[in-house]
Structure formats: C-alpha cells, structure tokens
Amino acid sequence: MDKLATASHQYKVELWTDRIKQCRASGMSVRAWCDYNNVSDKSYYYWLRKIRLDVFEKFSDTKDYSLPIEAKSNSSMVFAPIQLNNTTVIADTAIVLTING
C-alpha cells in the first residue's frame, strides 16, 4: 500500500472508530444511531468488521500484549494483560474477546 493509500486508510479507521464509540456511548441501537446521524448501517458494520480485522492482524503475530479496557465507572483506561492462542472470537455488539487456552 502506498503512502497516500495508507494515510487515507488510517484517516478512515480513525473516523469510523470515533463513530463507533459515539454510537455505543449514545445508548441507541445501531440502526437508530445510523438513521439519526445519516450514516448507512451497512457502512457502520463494514467498518466495524474492518477495524476488528486490522486489530486482530496487528496482534496476531504477538503472543503477549496488554489490551486497553475502558472502565465504565470513572472512564479511566486500564490495561489487562492477556495471551493470545489459536482461537479469538470478536462479537458484534461489543468488543468481546473469547480466548481459548
């Protein structure tokens, strides 16, 4: 991927990461949030999947790393050390990792 394509991709990832966070923080359903914000729900789910795949690919070569987790009570960021094995499942409704091992 050339520099322009990489920069464009990174911009879109940041844009959609922000949109996904806004949607989840709104308390609205994805469809309602998308309608309210004039965003296609197909685009929402496309980018949700793309971002998750990017994250998975980034960490698939690594066995040990810290996963950032936002604490709901005081909105601070904490890091939970986890170990990736062969199976990782990422759910659609929230960022949930199920790691067998």
N, C-alpha and C. Protein backbone atom coordinates (compact mmCIF):
# COMPACT_ATOMS: atom_id res chain seq x y z
N MET A 1 0.86 -1.17 0.00
CA MET A 1 0.00 0.00 0.00
C MET A 1 0.91 1.24 0.00
N ASP A 2 0.66 2.17 -0.91
CA ASP A 2 1.50 3.36 -0.96
C ASP A 2 1.15 4.31 0.19
N LYS A 3 1.95 5.36 0.35
CA LYS A 3 1.79 6.28 1.49
C LYS A 3 0.44 6.97 1.49
N LEU A 4 -0.03 7.38 0.32
CA LEU A 4 -1.33 8.06 0.24
C LEU A 4 -2.47 7.12 0.63
N ALA A 5 -2.43 5.91 0.12
CA ALA A 5 -3.47 4.93 0.45
C ALA A 5 -3.43 4.58 1.93
N THR A 6 -2.22 4.46 2.49
CA THR A 6 -2.07 4.16 3.91
C THR A 6 -2.64 5.29 4.76
N ALA A 7 -2.31 6.53 4.39
CA ALA A 7 -2.82 7.69 5.13
C ALA A 7 -4.34 7.78 5.03
N SER A 8 -4.88 7.52 3.85
CA SER A 8 -6.33 7.55 3.66
C SER A 8 -7.01 6.48 4.50
N HIS A 9 -6.44 5.28 4.49
CA HIS A 9 -6.99 4.18 5.29
C HIS A 9 -6.96 4.53 6.77
N GLN A 10 -5.84 5.08 7.23
CA GLN A 10 -5.71 5.42 8.65
C GLN A 10 -6.72 6.50 9.04
N TYR A 11 -6.92 7.48 8.16
CA TYR A 11 -7.92 8.52 8.43
C TYR A 11 -9.31 7.91 8.58
N LYS A 12 -9.66 7.01 7.66
CA LYS A 12 -10.99 6.38 7.71
C LYS A 12 -11.14 5.50 8.95
N VAL A 13 -10.08 4.80 9.32
CA VAL A 13 -10.13 3.97 10.53
C VAL A 13 -10.37 4.85 11.75
N GLU A 14 -9.67 5.97 11.85
CA GLU A 14 -9.86 6.88 12.99
C GLU A 14 -11.27 7.48 12.98
N LEU A 15 -11.75 7.88 11.80
CA LEU A 15 -13.09 8.43 11.68
C LEU A 15 -14.14 7.42 12.13
N TRP A 16 -14.04 6.20 11.63
CA TRP A 16 -15.04 5.19 11.96
C TRP A 16 -14.89 4.66 13.38
N THR A 17 -13.68 4.64 13.91
CA THR A 17 -13.51 4.27 15.32
C THR A 17 -14.24 5.27 16.19
N ASP A 18 -14.12 6.55 15.87
CA ASP A 18 -14.81 7.60 16.62
C ASP A 18 -16.33 7.44 16.48
N ARG A 19 -16.81 7.18 15.28
CA ARG A 19 -18.24 7.00 15.06
C ARG A 19 -18.78 5.80 15.85
N ILE A 20 -18.05 4.71 15.85
CA ILE A 20 -18.48 3.51 16.58
C ILE A 20 -18.54 3.79 18.07
N LYS A 21 -17.56 4.52 18.58
CA LYS A 21 -17.57 4.89 20.01
C LYS A 21 -18.77 5.78 20.32
N GLN A 22 -19.05 6.74 19.44
CA GLN A 22 -20.20 7.62 19.64
C GLN A 22 -21.51 6.84 19.64
N CYS A 23 -21.61 5.90 18.73
CA CYS A 23 -22.82 5.08 18.64
C CYS A 23 -23.03 4.30 19.93
N ARG A 24 -21.98 3.66 20.39
CA ARG A 24 -22.08 2.85 21.60
C ARG A 24 -22.37 3.69 22.83
N ALA A 25 -21.79 4.88 22.89
CA ALA A 25 -22.00 5.76 24.04
C ALA A 25 -23.40 6.37 24.03
N SER A 26 -24.05 6.40 22.88
CA SER A 26 -25.36 7.05 22.76
C SER A 26 -26.48 6.29 23.46
N GLY A 27 -26.31 4.99 23.61
CA GLY A 27 -27.36 4.17 24.19
C GLY A 27 -28.45 3.81 23.18
N MET A 28 -28.29 4.27 21.96
CA MET A 28 -29.26 3.98 20.90
C MET A 28 -28.88 2.67 20.22
N SER A 29 -29.83 2.08 19.53
CA SER A 29 -29.50 0.92 18.71
C SER A 29 -28.64 1.42 17.54
N VAL A 30 -27.90 0.51 16.92
CA VAL A 30 -27.06 0.88 15.79
C VAL A 30 -27.92 1.48 14.68
N ARG A 31 -29.02 0.85 14.37
CA ARG A 31 -29.89 1.34 13.30
C ARG A 31 -30.42 2.75 13.61
N ALA A 32 -30.87 2.97 14.84
CA ALA A 32 -31.39 4.28 15.21
C ALA A 32 -30.29 5.34 15.17
N TRP A 33 -29.10 4.99 15.68
CA TRP A 33 -27.99 5.95 15.66
C TRP A 33 -27.60 6.29 14.22
N CYS A 34 -27.52 5.28 13.38
CA CYS A 34 -27.16 5.50 11.98
C CYS A 34 -28.19 6.38 11.28
N ASP A 35 -29.47 6.11 11.50
CA ASP A 35 -30.53 6.94 10.90
C ASP A 35 -30.42 8.39 11.38
N TYR A 36 -30.21 8.56 12.67
CA TYR A 36 -30.14 9.89 13.27
C TYR A 36 -28.94 10.67 12.73
N ASN A 37 -27.82 9.97 12.47
CA ASN A 37 -26.59 10.61 12.03
C ASN A 37 -26.33 10.51 10.53
N ASN A 38 -27.36 10.10 9.79
CA ASN A 38 -27.25 9.97 8.32
C ASN A 38 -26.05 9.12 7.90
N VAL A 39 -25.91 7.99 8.58
CA VAL A 39 -24.84 7.04 8.29
C VAL A 39 -25.49 5.73 7.88
N SER A 40 -24.99 5.11 6.84
CA SER A 40 -25.51 3.82 6.41
C SER A 40 -25.13 2.75 7.43
N ASP A 41 -26.13 1.95 7.85
CA ASP A 41 -25.79 0.88 8.80
C ASP A 41 -24.89 -0.17 8.14
N LYS A 42 -24.98 -0.31 6.83
CA LYS A 42 -24.07 -1.23 6.12
C LYS A 42 -22.64 -0.73 6.22
N SER A 43 -22.45 0.58 6.09
CA SER A 43 -21.11 1.15 6.24
C SER A 43 -20.61 0.98 7.67
N TYR A 44 -21.52 1.19 8.63
CA TYR A 44 -21.15 1.02 10.04
C TYR A 44 -20.62 -0.38 10.26
N TYR A 45 -21.34 -1.40 9.86
CA TYR A 45 -20.91 -2.78 10.10
C TYR A 45 -19.70 -3.16 9.26
N TYR A 46 -19.58 -2.59 8.07
CA TYR A 46 -18.39 -2.83 7.25
C TYR A 46 -17.14 -2.35 7.97
N TRP A 47 -17.20 -1.11 8.49
CA TRP A 47 -16.03 -0.56 9.16
C TRP A 47 -15.79 -1.20 10.52
N LEU A 48 -16.84 -1.60 11.20
CA LEU A 48 -16.66 -2.31 12.46
C LEU A 48 -15.87 -3.59 12.22
N ARG A 49 -16.25 -4.33 11.19
CA ARG A 49 -15.55 -5.57 10.85
C ARG A 49 -14.12 -5.28 10.40
N LYS A 50 -13.92 -4.27 9.56
CA LYS A 50 -12.60 -3.92 9.05
C LYS A 50 -11.66 -3.51 10.18
N ILE A 51 -12.15 -2.71 11.11
CA ILE A 51 -11.33 -2.27 12.25
C ILE A 51 -10.96 -3.47 13.12
N ARG A 52 -11.91 -4.34 13.36
CA ARG A 52 -11.61 -5.53 14.17
C ARG A 52 -10.57 -6.42 13.49
N LEU A 53 -10.68 -6.58 12.18
CA LEU A 53 -9.69 -7.38 11.45
C LEU A 53 -8.31 -6.72 11.50
N ASP A 54 -8.27 -5.40 11.37
CA ASP A 54 -6.99 -4.69 11.48
C ASP A 54 -6.35 -4.91 12.84
N VAL A 55 -7.15 -4.82 13.90
CA VAL A 55 -6.63 -5.04 15.25
C VAL A 55 -6.15 -6.47 15.40
N PHE A 56 -6.94 -7.41 14.91
CA PHE A 56 -6.55 -8.82 15.01
C PHE A 56 -5.24 -9.08 14.27
N GLU A 57 -5.12 -8.54 13.05
CA GLU A 57 -3.89 -8.73 12.28
C GLU A 57 -2.69 -8.08 12.96
N LYS A 58 -2.91 -6.94 13.58
CA LYS A 58 -1.83 -6.24 14.27
C LYS A 58 -1.26 -7.09 15.40
N PHE A 59 -2.14 -7.78 16.11
CA PHE A 59 -1.71 -8.54 17.27
C PHE A 59 -1.58 -10.04 17.02
N SER A 60 -1.87 -10.50 15.82
CA SER A 60 -1.83 -11.94 15.57
C SER A 60 -0.42 -12.51 15.60
N ASP A 61 0.58 -11.68 15.33
CA ASP A 61 1.96 -12.14 15.39
C ASP A 61 2.51 -12.14 16.80
N THR A 62 1.81 -11.54 17.73
CA THR A 62 2.28 -11.38 19.09
C THR A 62 1.52 -12.35 20.00
N LYS A 63 2.23 -12.96 20.91
CA LYS A 63 1.58 -13.86 21.87
C LYS A 63 1.12 -13.12 23.12
N ASP A 64 1.92 -12.18 23.60
CA ASP A 64 1.58 -11.46 24.82
C ASP A 64 1.47 -9.97 24.53
N TYR A 65 0.42 -9.35 25.04
CA TYR A 65 0.27 -7.90 24.94
C TYR A 65 -0.77 -7.46 25.96
N SER A 66 -0.89 -6.16 26.13
CA SER A 66 -1.90 -5.61 27.02
C SER A 66 -3.04 -5.06 26.20
N LEU A 67 -4.24 -5.41 26.59
CA LEU A 67 -5.45 -4.96 25.90
C LEU A 67 -6.04 -3.77 26.66
N PRO A 68 -6.20 -2.61 26.01
CA PRO A 68 -6.79 -1.47 26.72
C PRO A 68 -8.28 -1.71 26.97
N ILE A 69 -8.70 -1.46 28.18
CA ILE A 69 -10.09 -1.63 28.57
C ILE A 69 -10.55 -0.35 29.26
N GLU A 70 -11.66 0.21 28.81
CA GLU A 70 -12.18 1.42 29.43
C GLU A 70 -13.11 1.04 30.57
N ALA A 71 -12.79 1.52 31.77
CA ALA A 71 -13.62 1.26 32.94
C ALA A 71 -14.84 2.16 32.88
N LYS A 72 -16.03 1.61 33.02
CA LYS A 72 -17.27 2.39 32.92
C LYS A 72 -17.46 3.34 34.10
N SER A 73 -16.99 2.96 35.30
CA SER A 73 -17.30 3.75 36.47
C SER A 73 -16.65 5.13 36.46
N ASN A 74 -15.38 5.22 36.06
CA ASN A 74 -14.73 6.52 36.10
C ASN A 74 -14.09 6.90 34.77
N SER A 75 -14.40 6.13 33.73
CA SER A 75 -13.92 6.39 32.36
C SER A 75 -12.41 6.45 32.24
N SER A 76 -11.71 5.79 33.14
CA SER A 76 -10.25 5.75 33.00
C SER A 76 -9.88 4.52 32.18
N MET A 77 -8.70 4.56 31.62
CA MET A 77 -8.23 3.46 30.78
C MET A 77 -7.31 2.57 31.61
N VAL A 78 -7.59 1.29 31.61
CA VAL A 78 -6.72 0.33 32.28
C VAL A 78 -6.28 -0.69 31.25
N PHE A 79 -5.22 -1.40 31.53
CA PHE A 79 -4.70 -2.39 30.60
C PHE A 79 -4.72 -3.76 31.26
N ALA A 80 -5.32 -4.70 30.56
CA ALA A 80 -5.40 -6.07 31.06
C ALA A 80 -4.46 -6.94 30.25
N PRO A 81 -3.45 -7.53 30.88
CA PRO A 81 -2.56 -8.40 30.12
C PRO A 81 -3.28 -9.69 29.75
N ILE A 82 -3.20 -10.08 28.49
CA ILE A 82 -3.80 -11.32 28.04
C ILE A 82 -2.84 -12.03 27.12
N GLN A 83 -3.06 -13.30 26.91
CA GLN A 83 -2.24 -14.07 26.00
C GLN A 83 -3.12 -14.62 24.89
N LEU A 84 -2.72 -14.39 23.64
CA LEU A 84 -3.47 -14.90 22.50
C LEU A 84 -3.02 -16.31 22.18
N ASN A 85 -3.98 -17.16 21.97
CA ASN A 85 -3.70 -18.51 21.49
C ASN A 85 -4.31 -18.64 20.11
N ASN A 86 -4.66 -19.82 19.70
CA ASN A 86 -5.14 -20.03 18.34
C ASN A 86 -6.54 -19.51 18.08
N THR A 87 -7.40 -19.39 19.09
CA THR A 87 -8.79 -19.03 18.86
C THR A 87 -9.11 -17.68 19.47
N THR A 88 -9.61 -16.78 18.66
CA THR A 88 -10.06 -15.47 19.13
C THR A 88 -11.40 -15.19 18.48
N VAL A 89 -12.40 -14.87 19.28
CA VAL A 89 -13.72 -14.55 18.78
C VAL A 89 -14.02 -13.11 19.16
N ILE A 90 -14.47 -12.33 18.19
CA ILE A 90 -14.82 -10.94 18.45
C ILE A 90 -16.30 -10.78 18.14
N ALA A 91 -17.10 -10.40 19.15
CA ALA A 91 -18.55 -10.29 19.00
C ALA A 91 -18.94 -8.99 18.31
N ASP A 92 -20.16 -8.92 17.78
CA ASP A 92 -20.63 -7.75 17.06
C ASP A 92 -21.20 -6.65 17.96
N THR A 93 -21.80 -6.99 19.09
CA THR A 93 -22.49 -5.99 19.88
C THR A 93 -21.56 -5.20 20.78
N ALA A 94 -20.47 -5.76 21.16
CA ALA A 94 -19.47 -5.07 21.99
C ALA A 94 -18.13 -5.71 21.67
N ILE A 95 -17.09 -5.04 22.05
CA ILE A 95 -15.79 -5.63 21.80
C ILE A 95 -15.54 -6.67 22.90
N VAL A 96 -15.75 -7.91 22.53
CA VAL A 96 -15.61 -9.02 23.45
C VAL A 96 -14.63 -10.02 22.83
N LEU A 97 -13.61 -10.35 23.56
CA LEU A 97 -12.66 -11.34 23.08
C LEU A 97 -12.83 -12.61 23.90
N THR A 98 -12.98 -13.73 23.23
CA THR A 98 -13.00 -15.02 23.89
C THR A 98 -11.74 -15.75 23.47
N ILE A 99 -10.90 -16.04 24.42
CA ILE A 99 -9.62 -16.64 24.10
C ILE A 99 -9.54 -18.01 24.75
N ASN A 100 -9.39 -19.04 23.94
CA ASN A 100 -9.28 -20.40 24.44
C ASN A 100 -7.82 -20.70 24.75
N GLY A 101 -7.61 -21.39 25.86
CA GLY A 101 -6.22 -21.77 26.13
C GLY A 101 -5.90 -21.89 27.55
